Amino acid sequence: MACAGSAGRVSAVLYHYPCPDGAFAALAAHLYFSAAALPVRFFPNTVYNPIRSDTLPLDEIKDVYLLDFVGPLGFVTDIARKVESVTILDHHKTAFESLCGNVTLEKNVNKVIDMQRSGATIAFDFFSNKLLTADSSLRNHESYNTANGVKYLDDNKLETVPKLFKFIEDGDLWRWTIPNSKAFSSGLKDLDIEFDVNINRKLFDQLLELDPEQVISRGQATLSHKQRLIDDCLEKSYEIALGHGEFGNCLVNTHFYLLCSIIFFSCYANVLLCEGEFIPNSYLYLIIIVGQSTFVTCHSFKLQHNLKC
C-alpha cells in the first residue's frame, strides 16, 4: 500500500446505485459517520458504468467502503494500494466468486460477504457495531444503539428504521417472507426517490422519515392495479411448440404495451412460475408480437446459493 499521510483526508463510501439496497447501505454508513462526527464522501456506483480508480480523488481519501457492489475485476486491488484500508460489505455471488476462496487480497482489505443478508442489513449491522466497539470498554456498559452517549439512531427511530432495513432485505433477496413486503417494495418504487445523494441532498433524511405503513398502503394500491393488468395479460397469452416440440414450448403474448415494463414482466413471469412448473436454474422465454415485429424476452429462475466469507 502506498499512500501519503492521512491528515485531512476523508473516508469514501461507494454504494450500489440506483438500488434501494445500496441506498439503505449508504444510509447505514451515514448514520455511523454522522454519529461519530467523521468526514465522509459518498459516491453512487453503477454496475453499467462503474467508478474507476483513476476517477476517484484518492489523494483526498483515507479509507474506502464498498457497499453492495465491489466494482469491476481488479478494482479492489487497485484502490487498496492507494489508501489505508478497503472495507467490502456485499452479498452478491459475483463478489463471493471474485474475493473469497483461494483469492489473494491486499492485507488492508477487510470484507463481509454474506449471501444470506442484503447489502443494507450487512451495512446496518457493521456500522452500528463499529460505533459501539470504537471504544471496546463500552461493550458491556451501553446498549447496541449507544456508545459513550453517542447514538446510532435517535430514540424515535429505534423501531421504524430497523423495520425499513428488514423490508429492504426481504425484497432485495426476493424472499417476500415479511407480511406486505411486496406492497412495501412497490410503494417505495412509486415514491421515485432519487438515490444519488450528490443530486438529492435530502436522501438520507427522506429514507429515515419513511413510514412503513404509509409505504405499504401506497404499494397495495399499485399492486392491485398491476394484478388486474397481469390477469388481462394472461388471458391474451398462449403456448406454442418450438420446432414442433423439439425445442420445448414458449409463451406468446400480443399485449406488448403491458409487458413494456421490466418490473411488470418480472411480476408476470413470477405469476407464471407459481402457476406452472419450471425447472430451477432454467429460463422462461416469452415471445411478444407487435405488428410485424417479434421480440423474445427472458426471465431466469435461479436457485439461491447460501454462501458467505
C-alpha atoms as a PDB file:
ATOM      1  CA  MET A   1       0.000   0.000   0.000  1.00  0.00           C
ATOM      2  CA  ALA A   2       1.343   3.393  -0.964  1.00  0.00           C
ATOM      3  CA  CYS A   3      -0.393   6.407   0.499  1.00  0.00           C
ATOM      4  CA  ALA A   4       0.608   9.724   1.973  1.00  0.00           C
ATOM      5  CA  GLY A   5      -0.217  10.949   5.467  1.00  0.00           C
ATOM      6  CA  SER A   6      -3.881  10.682   6.368  1.00  0.00           C
ATOM      7  CA  ALA A   7      -4.214  14.115   7.965  1.00  0.00           C
ATOM      8  CA  GLY A   8      -7.117  15.985   6.399  1.00  0.00           C
ATOM      9  CA  ARG A   9      -8.221  13.008   4.340  1.00  0.00           C
ATOM     10  CA  VAL A  10     -11.723  11.561   4.466  1.00  0.00           C
ATOM     11  CA  SER A  11     -13.496   8.249   4.203  1.00  0.00           C
ATOM     12  CA  ALA A  12     -15.174   7.380   0.913  1.00  0.00           C
ATOM     13  CA  VAL A  13     -18.348   5.318   0.628  1.00  0.00           C
ATOM     14  CA  LEU A  14     -19.077   3.809  -2.780  1.00  0.00           C
ATOM     15  CA  TYR A  15     -22.569   2.348  -2.860  1.00  0.00           C
ATOM     16  CA  HIS A  16     -24.637   0.419  -5.396  1.00  0.00           C
ATOM     17  CA  TYR A  17     -26.794   2.809  -7.443  1.00  0.00           C
ATOM     18  CA  PRO A  18     -29.653   3.134  -8.335  1.00  0.00           C
ATOM     19  CA  CYS A  19     -30.694   0.362  -5.974  1.00  0.00           C
ATOM     20  CA  PRO A  20     -32.760   0.575  -2.751  1.00  0.00           C
ATOM     21  CA  ASP A  21     -30.450  -1.947  -1.094  1.00  0.00           C
ATOM     22  CA  GLY A  22     -27.427   0.153  -1.984  1.00  0.00           C
ATOM     23  CA  ALA A  23     -29.116   3.375  -0.872  1.00  0.00           C
ATOM     24  CA  PHE A  24     -30.014   1.916   2.517  1.00  0.00           C
ATOM     25  CA  ALA A  25     -26.481   0.545   2.870  1.00  0.00           C
ATOM     26  CA  ALA A  26     -25.289   4.110   2.311  1.00  0.00           C
ATOM     27  CA  LEU A  27     -27.801   5.277   4.934  1.00  0.00           C
ATOM     28  CA  ALA A  28     -26.259   2.840   7.422  1.00  0.00           C
ATOM     29  CA  ALA A  29     -22.851   4.375   6.719  1.00  0.00           C
ATOM     30  CA  HIS A  30     -24.268   7.902   7.001  1.00  0.00           C
ATOM     31  CA  LEU A  31     -25.699   7.126  10.440  1.00  0.00           C
ATOM     32  CA  TYR A  32     -22.290   5.975  11.633  1.00  0.00           C
ATOM     33  CA  PHE A  33     -20.267   8.862  10.243  1.00  0.00           C
ATOM     34  CA  SER A  34     -22.803  11.401  11.495  1.00  0.00           C
ATOM     35  CA  ALA A  35     -22.832   9.912  14.999  1.00  0.00           C
ATOM     36  CA  ALA A  36     -19.036   9.671  15.088  1.00  0.00           C
ATOM     37  CA  ALA A  37     -18.669  13.182  13.601  1.00  0.00           C
ATOM     38  CA  LEU A  38     -16.219  11.920  10.989  1.00  0.00           C
ATOM     39  CA  PRO A  39     -15.830  13.375   7.474  1.00  0.00           C
ATOM     40  CA  VAL A  40     -17.090  11.220   4.626  1.00  0.00           C
ATOM     41  CA  ARG A  41     -17.870  11.472   0.925  1.00  0.00           C
ATOM     42  CA  PHE A  42     -20.431   9.346  -0.890  1.00  0.00           C
ATOM     43  CA  PHE A  43     -20.051   8.057  -4.441  1.00  0.00           C
ATOM     44  CA  PRO A  44     -23.018   6.342  -6.157  1.00  0.00           C
ATOM     45  CA  ASN A  45     -21.629   3.420  -8.164  1.00  0.00           C
ATOM     46  CA  THR A  46     -23.451   1.852 -11.106  1.00  0.00           C
ATOM     47  CA  VAL A  47     -22.865  -1.638 -12.462  1.00  0.00           C
ATOM     48  CA  TYR A  48     -23.257  -0.484 -16.072  1.00  0.00           C
ATOM     49  CA  ASN A  49     -20.682   2.328 -15.705  1.00  0.00           C
ATOM     50  CA  PRO A  50     -18.670   1.558 -12.560  1.00  0.00           C
ATOM     51  CA  ILE A  51     -16.330   4.021 -10.929  1.00  0.00           C
ATOM     52  CA  ARG A  52     -12.686   3.591 -11.942  1.00  0.00           C
ATOM     53  CA  SER A  53      -9.853   4.212  -9.530  1.00  0.00           C
ATOM     54  CA  ASP A  54      -8.439   6.967 -11.715  1.00  0.00           C
ATOM     55  CA  THR A  55     -11.696   8.934 -11.385  1.00  0.00           C
ATOM     56  CA  LEU A  56     -11.587   8.946  -7.575  1.00  0.00           C
ATOM     57  CA  PRO A  57      -9.732  11.712  -5.694  1.00  0.00           C
ATOM     58  CA  LEU A  58      -7.637   9.101  -3.898  1.00  0.00           C
ATOM     59  CA  ASP A  59      -5.158  11.708  -2.670  1.00  0.00           C
ATOM     60  CA  GLU A  60      -8.039  13.074  -0.556  1.00  0.00           C
ATOM     61  CA  ILE A  61      -9.280   9.680   0.663  1.00  0.00           C
ATOM     62  CA  LYS A  62      -8.054   7.771   3.722  1.00  0.00           C
ATOM     63  CA  ASP A  63     -10.202   4.640   3.542  1.00  0.00           C
ATOM     64  CA  VAL A  64     -12.839   3.229   1.215  1.00  0.00           C
ATOM     65  CA  TYR A  65     -16.078   1.356   1.896  1.00  0.00           C
ATOM     66  CA  LEU A  66     -17.617  -0.635  -0.953  1.00  0.00           C
ATOM     67  CA  LEU A  67     -21.297  -1.216  -0.229  1.00  0.00           C
ATOM     68  CA  ASP A  68     -23.401  -3.741  -2.172  1.00  0.00           C
ATOM     69  CA  PHE A  69     -21.089  -3.594  -5.210  1.00  0.00           C
ATOM     70  CA  VAL A  70     -17.344  -4.271  -5.343  1.00  0.00           C
ATOM     71  CA  GLY A  71     -16.705  -2.816  -8.778  1.00  0.00           C
ATOM     72  CA  PRO A  72     -15.070  -4.441 -11.803  1.00  0.00           C
ATOM     73  CA  LEU A  73     -12.326  -7.059 -11.687  1.00  0.00           C
ATOM     74  CA  GLY A  74      -9.123  -5.627 -10.240  1.00  0.00           C
ATOM     75  CA  PHE A  75     -10.771  -2.526  -8.773  1.00  0.00           C
ATOM     76  CA  VAL A  76     -10.371  -3.600  -5.129  1.00  0.00           C
ATOM     77  CA  THR A  77      -6.676  -4.379  -5.520  1.00  0.00           C
ATOM     78  CA  ASP A  78      -6.058  -1.145  -7.390  1.00  0.00           C
ATOM     79  CA  ILE A  79      -7.563   1.157  -4.773  1.00  0.00           C
ATOM     80  CA  ALA A  80      -6.205  -0.893  -1.845  1.00  0.00           C
ATOM     81  CA  ARG A  81      -2.697   0.022  -2.946  1.00  0.00           C
ATOM     82  CA  LYS A  82      -3.524   3.724  -2.753  1.00  0.00           C
ATOM     83  CA  VAL A  83      -5.486   4.078   0.502  1.00  0.00           C
ATOM     84  CA  GLU A  84      -5.100   2.962   4.118  1.00  0.00           C
ATOM     85  CA  SER A  85      -7.903   0.401   4.060  1.00  0.00           C
ATOM     86  CA  VAL A  86     -10.745  -1.002   1.982  1.00  0.00           C
ATOM     87  CA  THR A  87     -13.862  -2.486   3.587  1.00  0.00           C
ATOM     88  CA  ILE A  88     -16.246  -4.573   1.487  1.00  0.00           C
ATOM     89  CA  LEU A  89     -19.840  -5.160   2.583  1.00  0.00           C
ATOM     90  CA  ASP A  90     -21.643  -7.192  -0.064  1.00  0.00           C
ATOM     91  CA  HIS A  91     -23.837 -10.216  -0.693  1.00  0.00           C
ATOM     92  CA  HIS A  92     -23.661 -10.801  -4.435  1.00  0.00           C
ATOM     93  CA  LYS A  93     -22.392 -14.047  -5.894  1.00  0.00           C
ATOM     94  CA  THR A  94     -20.007 -12.108  -8.134  1.00  0.00           C
ATOM     95  CA  ALA A  95     -18.327 -10.627  -5.049  1.00  0.00           C
ATOM     96  CA  PHE A  96     -18.074 -14.059  -3.443  1.00  0.00           C
ATOM     97  CA  GLU A  97     -16.525 -15.613  -6.534  1.00  0.00           C
ATOM     98  CA  SER A  98     -14.008 -12.817  -7.099  1.00  0.00           C
ATOM     99  CA  LEU A  99     -12.971 -12.116  -3.496  1.00  0.00           C
ATOM    100  CA  CYS A 100     -13.378 -15.345  -1.490  1.00  0.00           C
ATOM    101  CA  GLY A 101     -11.760 -18.761  -1.515  1.00  0.00           C
ATOM    102  CA  ASN A 102      -8.235 -19.004  -2.907  1.00  0.00           C
ATOM    103  CA  VAL A 103      -8.042 -15.308  -3.709  1.00  0.00           C
ATOM    104  CA  THR A 104      -5.098 -13.220  -2.560  1.00  0.00           C
ATOM    105  CA  LEU A 105      -6.060  -9.714  -1.486  1.00  0.00           C
ATOM    106  CA  GLU A 106      -4.055  -6.828  -0.107  1.00  0.00           C
ATOM    107  CA  LYS A 107      -3.607  -7.029   3.666  1.00  0.00           C
ATOM    108  CA  ASN A 108      -5.564  -3.810   4.174  1.00  0.00           C
ATOM    109  CA  VAL A 109      -8.733  -5.259   2.600  1.00  0.00           C
ATOM    110  CA  ASN A 110     -11.468  -6.315   5.020  1.00  0.00           C
ATOM    111  CA  LYS A 111     -14.636  -7.978   3.823  1.00  0.00           C
ATOM    112  CA  VAL A 112     -18.035  -9.182   4.933  1.00  0.00           C
ATOM    113  CA  ILE A 113     -19.678 -11.119   2.105  1.00  0.00           C
ATOM    114  CA  ASP A 114     -22.819 -12.926   3.182  1.00  0.00           C
ATOM    115  CA  MET A 115     -25.389 -14.124   0.673  1.00  0.00           C
ATOM    116  CA  GLN A 116     -27.937 -14.705   3.422  1.00  0.00           C
ATOM    117  CA  ARG A 117     -28.232 -10.972   4.063  1.00  0.00           C
ATOM    118  CA  SER A 118     -28.628  -7.963   1.804  1.00  0.00           C
ATOM    119  CA  GLY A 119     -26.084  -5.191   1.442  1.00  0.00           C
ATOM    120  CA  ALA A 120     -28.264  -2.881   3.537  1.00  0.00           C
ATOM    121  CA  THR A 121     -28.564  -5.161   6.560  1.00  0.00           C
ATOM    122  CA  ILE A 122     -24.894  -6.149   6.370  1.00  0.00           C
ATOM    123  CA  ALA A 123     -24.033  -2.441   6.445  1.00  0.00           C
ATOM    124  CA  PHE A 124     -26.517  -1.713   9.250  1.00  0.00           C
ATOM    125  CA  ASP A 125     -25.034  -4.455  11.437  1.00  0.00           C
ATOM    126  CA  PHE A 126     -21.467  -3.469  10.573  1.00  0.00           C
ATOM    127  CA  PHE A 127     -21.729   0.269  11.161  1.00  0.00           C
ATOM    128  CA  SER A 128     -23.921   0.102  14.267  1.00  0.00           C
ATOM    129  CA  ASN A 129     -21.421  -2.338  15.787  1.00  0.00           C
ATOM    130  CA  LYS A 130     -18.492  -0.210  14.619  1.00  0.00           C
ATOM    131  CA  LEU A 131     -19.844   2.759  16.556  1.00  0.00           C
ATOM    132  CA  LEU A 132     -20.329   0.660  19.664  1.00  0.00           C
ATOM    133  CA  THR A 133     -16.907  -1.006  19.526  1.00  0.00           C
ATOM    134  CA  ALA A 134     -14.981   2.169  18.738  1.00  0.00           C
ATOM    135  CA  ASP A 135     -14.151   2.005  22.437  1.00  0.00           C
ATOM    136  CA  SER A 136     -14.113  -1.654  23.440  1.00  0.00           C
ATOM    137  CA  SER A 137     -14.530  -0.732  27.101  1.00  0.00           C
ATOM    138  CA  LEU A 138     -18.085   0.330  26.311  1.00  0.00           C
ATOM    139  CA  ARG A 139     -19.249  -3.071  25.065  1.00  0.00           C
ATOM    140  CA  ASN A 140     -20.729  -4.228  28.333  1.00  0.00           C
ATOM    141  CA  HIS A 141     -21.980  -0.879  29.514  1.00  0.00           C
ATOM    142  CA  GLU A 142     -24.011   0.569  26.661  1.00  0.00           C
ATOM    143  CA  SER A 143     -26.964  -0.556  24.556  1.00  0.00           C
ATOM    144  CA  TYR A 144     -26.486  -1.671  20.936  1.00  0.00           C
ATOM    145  CA  ASN A 145     -27.597   1.805  19.859  1.00  0.00           C
ATOM    146  CA  THR A 146     -25.401   3.952  22.098  1.00  0.00           C
ATOM    147  CA  ALA A 147     -21.667   4.308  22.628  1.00  0.00           C
ATOM    148  CA  ASN A 148     -20.322   6.859  25.089  1.00  0.00           C
ATOM    149  CA  GLY A 149     -23.573   8.788  24.830  1.00  0.00           C
ATOM    150  CA  VAL A 150     -23.440   8.888  21.022  1.00  0.00           C
ATOM    151  CA  LYS A 151     -26.450   7.252  19.390  1.00  0.00           C
ATOM    152  CA  TYR A 152     -26.514   5.387  16.106  1.00  0.00           C
ATOM    153  CA  LEU A 153     -30.275   6.023  15.863  1.00  0.00           C
ATOM    154  CA  ASP A 154     -32.471   8.588  17.550  1.00  0.00           C
ATOM    155  CA  ASP A 155     -34.791   7.045  20.106  1.00  0.00           C
ATOM    156  CA  ASN A 156     -37.856   7.798  17.981  1.00  0.00           C
ATOM    157  CA  LYS A 157     -36.331   5.783  15.098  1.00  0.00           C
ATOM    158  CA  LEU A 158     -35.395   2.656  17.034  1.00  0.00           C
ATOM    159  CA  GLU A 159     -38.474   0.771  15.854  1.00  0.00           C
ATOM    160  CA  THR A 160     -39.143   2.067  12.343  1.00  0.00           C
ATOM    161  CA  VAL A 161     -35.624   2.197  10.874  1.00  0.00           C
ATOM    162  CA  PRO A 162     -34.660  -1.453  11.581  1.00  0.00           C
ATOM    163  CA  LYS A 163     -38.059  -2.406  10.168  1.00  0.00           C
ATOM    164  CA  LEU A 164     -37.272  -0.480   6.977  1.00  0.00           C
ATOM    165  CA  PHE A 165     -33.977  -2.325   6.612  1.00  0.00           C
ATOM    166  CA  LYS A 166     -35.719  -5.682   7.052  1.00  0.00           C
ATOM    167  CA  PHE A 167     -38.222  -4.804   4.321  1.00  0.00           C
ATOM    168  CA  ILE A 168     -35.380  -3.787   2.004  1.00  0.00           C
ATOM    169  CA  GLU A 169     -33.561  -7.068   2.606  1.00  0.00           C
ATOM    170  CA  ASP A 170     -36.696  -9.166   2.159  1.00  0.00           C
ATOM    171  CA  GLY A 171     -37.371  -7.587  -1.221  1.00  0.00           C
ATOM    172  CA  ASP A 172     -33.774  -7.463  -2.416  1.00  0.00           C
ATOM    173  CA  LEU A 173     -33.322 -11.187  -1.765  1.00  0.00           C
ATOM    174  CA  TRP A 174     -36.752 -11.931  -3.259  1.00  0.00           C
ATOM    175  CA  ARG A 175     -37.838 -13.796  -0.159  1.00  0.00           C
ATOM    176  CA  TRP A 176     -41.124 -11.972   0.422  1.00  0.00           C
ATOM    177  CA  THR A 177     -41.498 -13.576   3.855  1.00  0.00           C
ATOM    178  CA  ILE A 178     -42.478 -10.410   5.742  1.00  0.00           C
ATOM    179  CA  PRO A 179     -46.206  -9.561   5.575  1.00  0.00           C
ATOM    180  CA  ASN A 180     -46.887  -6.814   2.995  1.00  0.00           C
ATOM    181  CA  SER A 181     -43.285  -6.971   1.799  1.00  0.00           C
ATOM    182  CA  LYS A 182     -44.242  -6.779  -1.878  1.00  0.00           C
ATOM    183  CA  ALA A 183     -46.523  -3.839  -1.163  1.00  0.00           C
ATOM    184  CA  PHE A 184     -43.677  -2.060   0.621  1.00  0.00           C
ATOM    185  CA  SER A 185     -41.318  -2.644  -2.307  1.00  0.00           C
ATOM    186  CA  SER A 186     -43.927  -1.397  -4.765  1.00  0.00           C
ATOM    187  CA  GLY A 187     -44.751   1.636  -2.634  1.00  0.00           C
ATOM    188  CA  LEU A 188     -41.091   2.584  -2.297  1.00  0.00           C
ATOM    189  CA  LYS A 189     -40.671   2.441  -6.056  1.00  0.00           C
ATOM    190  CA  ASP A 190     -43.746   4.627  -6.502  1.00  0.00           C
ATOM    191  CA  LEU A 191     -42.157   7.310  -4.318  1.00  0.00           C
ATOM    192  CA  ASP A 192     -39.495   7.661  -7.021  1.00  0.00           C
ATOM    193  CA  ILE A 193     -36.776   8.758  -4.605  1.00  0.00           C
ATOM    194  CA  GLU A 194     -33.517   9.838  -6.232  1.00  0.00           C
ATOM    195  CA  PHE A 195     -30.855   7.593  -4.662  1.00  0.00           C
ATOM    196  CA  ASP A 196     -27.874   9.725  -5.704  1.00  0.00           C
ATOM    197  CA  VAL A 197     -27.089  11.688  -2.545  1.00  0.00           C
ATOM    198  CA  ASN A 198     -24.949  14.131  -4.515  1.00  0.00           C
ATOM    199  CA  ILE A 199     -28.035  15.090  -6.522  1.00  0.00           C
ATOM    200  CA  ASN A 200     -30.617  14.599  -3.788  1.00  0.00           C
ATOM    201  CA  ARG A 201     -29.034  16.120  -0.695  1.00  0.00           C
ATOM    202  CA  LYS A 202     -32.071  15.170   1.387  1.00  0.00           C
ATOM    203  CA  LEU A 203     -31.815  11.462   0.524  1.00  0.00           C
ATOM    204  CA  PHE A 204     -30.878  10.179   3.957  1.00  0.00           C
ATOM    205  CA  ASP A 205     -33.478  12.344   5.682  1.00  0.00           C
ATOM    206  CA  GLN A 206     -36.108  11.060   3.244  1.00  0.00           C
ATOM    207  CA  LEU A 207     -35.208   7.437   3.963  1.00  0.00           C
ATOM    208  CA  LEU A 208     -35.228   7.997   7.722  1.00  0.00           C
ATOM    209  CA  GLU A 209     -38.642   9.658   7.545  1.00  0.00           C
ATOM    210  CA  LEU A 210     -40.287   6.795   5.666  1.00  0.00           C
ATOM    211  CA  ASP A 211     -43.316   5.371   7.449  1.00  0.00           C
ATOM    212  CA  PRO A 212     -43.516   1.642   6.602  1.00  0.00           C
ATOM    213  CA  GLU A 213     -47.315   1.601   6.910  1.00  0.00           C
ATOM    214  CA  GLN A 214     -47.751   4.545   4.548  1.00  0.00           C
ATOM    215  CA  VAL A 215     -45.352   3.000   2.036  1.00  0.00           C
ATOM    216  CA  ILE A 216     -47.272  -0.284   2.239  1.00  0.00           C
ATOM    217  CA  SER A 217     -50.608   1.465   1.742  1.00  0.00           C
ATOM    218  CA  ARG A 218     -49.322   3.190  -1.384  1.00  0.00           C
ATOM    219  CA  GLY A 219     -47.896  -0.072  -2.683  1.00  0.00           C
ATOM    220  CA  GLN A 220     -51.083  -2.049  -2.116  1.00  0.00           C
ATOM    221  CA  ALA A 221     -52.976   0.253  -4.466  1.00  0.00           C
ATOM    222  CA  THR A 222     -50.296  -0.144  -7.132  1.00  0.00           C
ATOM    223  CA  LEU A 223     -50.137  -3.926  -6.753  1.00  0.00           C
ATOM    224  CA  SER A 224     -53.892  -4.173  -7.130  1.00  0.00           C
ATOM    225  CA  HIS A 225     -53.647  -2.292 -10.426  1.00  0.00           C
ATOM    226  CA  LYS A 226     -50.738  -4.458 -11.603  1.00  0.00           C
ATOM    227  CA  GLN A 227     -52.647  -7.624 -10.773  1.00  0.00           C
ATOM    228  CA  ARG A 228     -55.527  -6.528 -12.990  1.00  0.00           C
ATOM    229  CA  LEU A 229     -53.044  -5.948 -15.826  1.00  0.00           C
ATOM    230  CA  ILE A 230     -51.427  -9.342 -15.232  1.00  0.00           C
ATOM    231  CA  ASP A 231     -54.785 -11.104 -15.298  1.00  0.00           C
ATOM    232  CA  ASP A 232     -55.615  -9.341 -18.563  1.00  0.00           C
ATOM    233  CA  CYS A 233     -52.206 -10.259 -19.980  1.00  0.00           C
ATOM    234  CA  LEU A 234     -52.563 -13.926 -19.027  1.00  0.00           C
ATOM    235  CA  GLU A 235     -55.864 -14.093 -20.863  1.00  0.00           C
ATOM    236  CA  LYS A 236     -54.126 -12.891 -24.034  1.00  0.00           C
ATOM    237  CA  SER A 237     -51.162 -15.300 -23.826  1.00  0.00           C
ATOM    238  CA  TYR A 238     -50.960 -18.705 -25.433  1.00  0.00           C
ATOM    239  CA  GLU A 239     -48.417 -21.509 -25.620  1.00  0.00           C
ATOM    240  CA  ILE A 240     -46.701 -22.707 -28.780  1.00  0.00           C
ATOM    241  CA  ALA A 241     -44.302 -25.573 -29.520  1.00  0.00           C
ATOM    242  CA  LEU A 242     -40.860 -24.597 -30.826  1.00  0.00           C
ATOM    243  CA  GLY A 243     -39.693 -26.732 -33.734  1.00  0.00           C
ATOM    244  CA  HIS A 244     -42.745 -28.974 -33.395  1.00  0.00           C
ATOM    245  CA  GLY A 245     -41.797 -29.508 -29.746  1.00  0.00           C
ATOM    246  CA  GLU A 246     -38.166 -30.391 -30.391  1.00  0.00           C
ATOM    247  CA  PHE A 247     -37.012 -27.240 -28.567  1.00  0.00           C
ATOM    248  CA  GLY A 248     -39.747 -27.182 -25.943  1.00  0.00           C
ATOM    249  CA  ASN A 249     -42.621 -24.760 -25.581  1.00  0.00           C
ATOM    250  CA  CYS A 250     -42.811 -20.989 -25.417  1.00  0.00           C
ATOM    251  CA  LEU A 251     -45.405 -18.453 -24.343  1.00  0.00           C
ATOM    252  CA  VAL A 252     -46.613 -15.925 -26.900  1.00  0.00           C
ATOM    253  CA  ASN A 253     -48.197 -12.611 -25.993  1.00  0.00           C
ATOM    254  CA  THR A 254     -49.618  -9.966 -28.299  1.00  0.00           C
ATOM    255  CA  HIS A 255     -50.314  -7.480 -25.496  1.00  0.00           C
ATOM    256  CA  PHE A 256     -46.969  -5.705 -25.762  1.00  0.00           C
ATOM    257  CA  TYR A 257     -47.911  -2.436 -24.083  1.00  0.00           C
ATOM    258  CA  LEU A 258     -48.464  -4.319 -20.816  1.00  0.00           C
ATOM    259  CA  LEU A 259     -45.091  -6.034 -20.992  1.00  0.00           C
ATOM    260  CA  CYS A 260     -43.046  -2.928 -21.765  1.00  0.00           C
ATOM    261  CA  SER A 261     -42.087  -2.507 -18.108  1.00  0.00           C
ATOM    262  CA  ILE A 262     -39.245  -4.720 -16.884  1.00  0.00           C
ATOM    263  CA  ILE A 263     -40.757  -4.784 -13.419  1.00  0.00           C
ATOM    264  CA  PHE A 264     -44.161  -5.723 -14.792  1.00  0.00           C
ATOM    265  CA  PHE A 265     -42.606  -8.508 -16.848  1.00  0.00           C
ATOM    266  CA  SER A 266     -40.844  -9.782 -13.734  1.00  0.00           C
ATOM    267  CA  CYS A 267     -44.153  -9.880 -11.837  1.00  0.00           C
ATOM    268  CA  TYR A 268     -45.843 -11.532 -14.810  1.00  0.00           C
ATOM    269  CA  ALA A 269     -43.128 -14.174 -15.082  1.00  0.00           C
ATOM    270  CA  ASN A 270     -43.346 -14.955 -11.389  1.00  0.00           C
ATOM    271  CA  VAL A 271     -47.095 -15.473 -11.661  1.00  0.00           C
ATOM    272  CA  LEU A 272     -46.380 -17.985 -14.413  1.00  0.00           C
ATOM    273  CA  LEU A 273     -43.787 -19.633 -12.200  1.00  0.00           C
ATOM    274  CA  CYS A 274     -46.274 -20.005  -9.364  1.00  0.00           C
ATOM    275  CA  GLU A 275     -48.999 -21.367 -11.616  1.00  0.00           C
ATOM    276  CA  GLY A 276     -46.813 -23.626 -13.745  1.00  0.00           C
ATOM    277  CA  GLU A 277     -43.896 -25.996 -13.339  1.00  0.00           C
ATOM    278  CA  PHE A 278     -40.422 -24.720 -14.135  1.00  0.00           C
ATOM    279  CA  ILE A 279     -37.066 -26.342 -13.534  1.00  0.00           C
ATOM    280  CA  PRO A 280     -34.763 -24.452 -11.122  1.00  0.00           C
ATOM    281  CA  ASN A 281     -31.787 -22.784 -12.813  1.00  0.00           C
ATOM    282  CA  SER A 282     -33.775 -22.584 -16.045  1.00  0.00           C
ATOM    283  CA  TYR A 283     -35.274 -19.750 -18.068  1.00  0.00           C
ATOM    284  CA  LEU A 284     -38.738 -18.642 -19.122  1.00  0.00           C
ATOM    285  CA  TYR A 285     -38.931 -17.162 -22.612  1.00  0.00           C
ATOM    286  CA  LEU A 286     -41.806 -15.040 -23.853  1.00  0.00           C
ATOM    287  CA  ILE A 287     -42.435 -14.177 -27.478  1.00  0.00           C
ATOM    288  CA  ILE A 288     -44.046 -10.765 -27.873  1.00  0.00           C
ATOM    289  CA  ILE A 289     -45.586  -9.895 -31.224  1.00  0.00           C
ATOM    290  CA  VAL A 290     -46.114  -6.243 -32.158  1.00  0.00           C
ATOM    291  CA  GLY A 291     -47.423  -5.806 -35.670  1.00  0.00           C
ATOM    292  CA  GLN A 292     -44.825  -7.327 -37.970  1.00  0.00           C
ATOM    293  CA  SER A 293     -42.114  -7.350 -35.283  1.00  0.00           C
ATOM    294  CA  THR A 294     -41.290 -10.154 -32.864  1.00  0.00           C
ATOM    295  CA  PHE A 295     -39.441  -9.781 -29.568  1.00  0.00           C
ATOM    296  CA  VAL A 296     -38.092 -12.524 -27.309  1.00  0.00           C
ATOM    297  CA  THR A 297     -37.699 -11.802 -23.601  1.00  0.00           C
ATOM    298  CA  CYS A 298     -36.233 -13.958 -20.876  1.00  0.00           C
ATOM    299  CA  HIS A 299     -36.716 -14.464 -17.134  1.00  0.00           C
ATOM    300  CA  SER A 300     -34.400 -16.761 -15.171  1.00  0.00           C
ATOM    301  CA  PHE A 301     -35.330 -18.965 -12.238  1.00  0.00           C
ATOM    302  CA  LYS A 302     -32.091 -19.358 -10.335  1.00  0.00           C
ATOM    303  CA  LEU A 303     -31.505 -21.257  -7.117  1.00  0.00           C
ATOM    304  CA  GLN A 304     -30.288 -19.148  -4.189  1.00  0.00           C
ATOM    305  CA  HIS A 305     -26.784 -20.052  -3.020  1.00  0.00           C
ATOM    306  CA  ASN A 306     -26.042 -19.986   0.705  1.00  0.00           C
ATOM    307  CA  LEU A 307     -22.539 -18.565   0.731  1.00  0.00           C
ATOM    308  CA  LYS A 308     -20.574 -16.251   2.977  1.00  0.00           C
ATOM    309  CA  CYS A 309     -16.944 -15.434   3.676  1.00  0.00           C
END
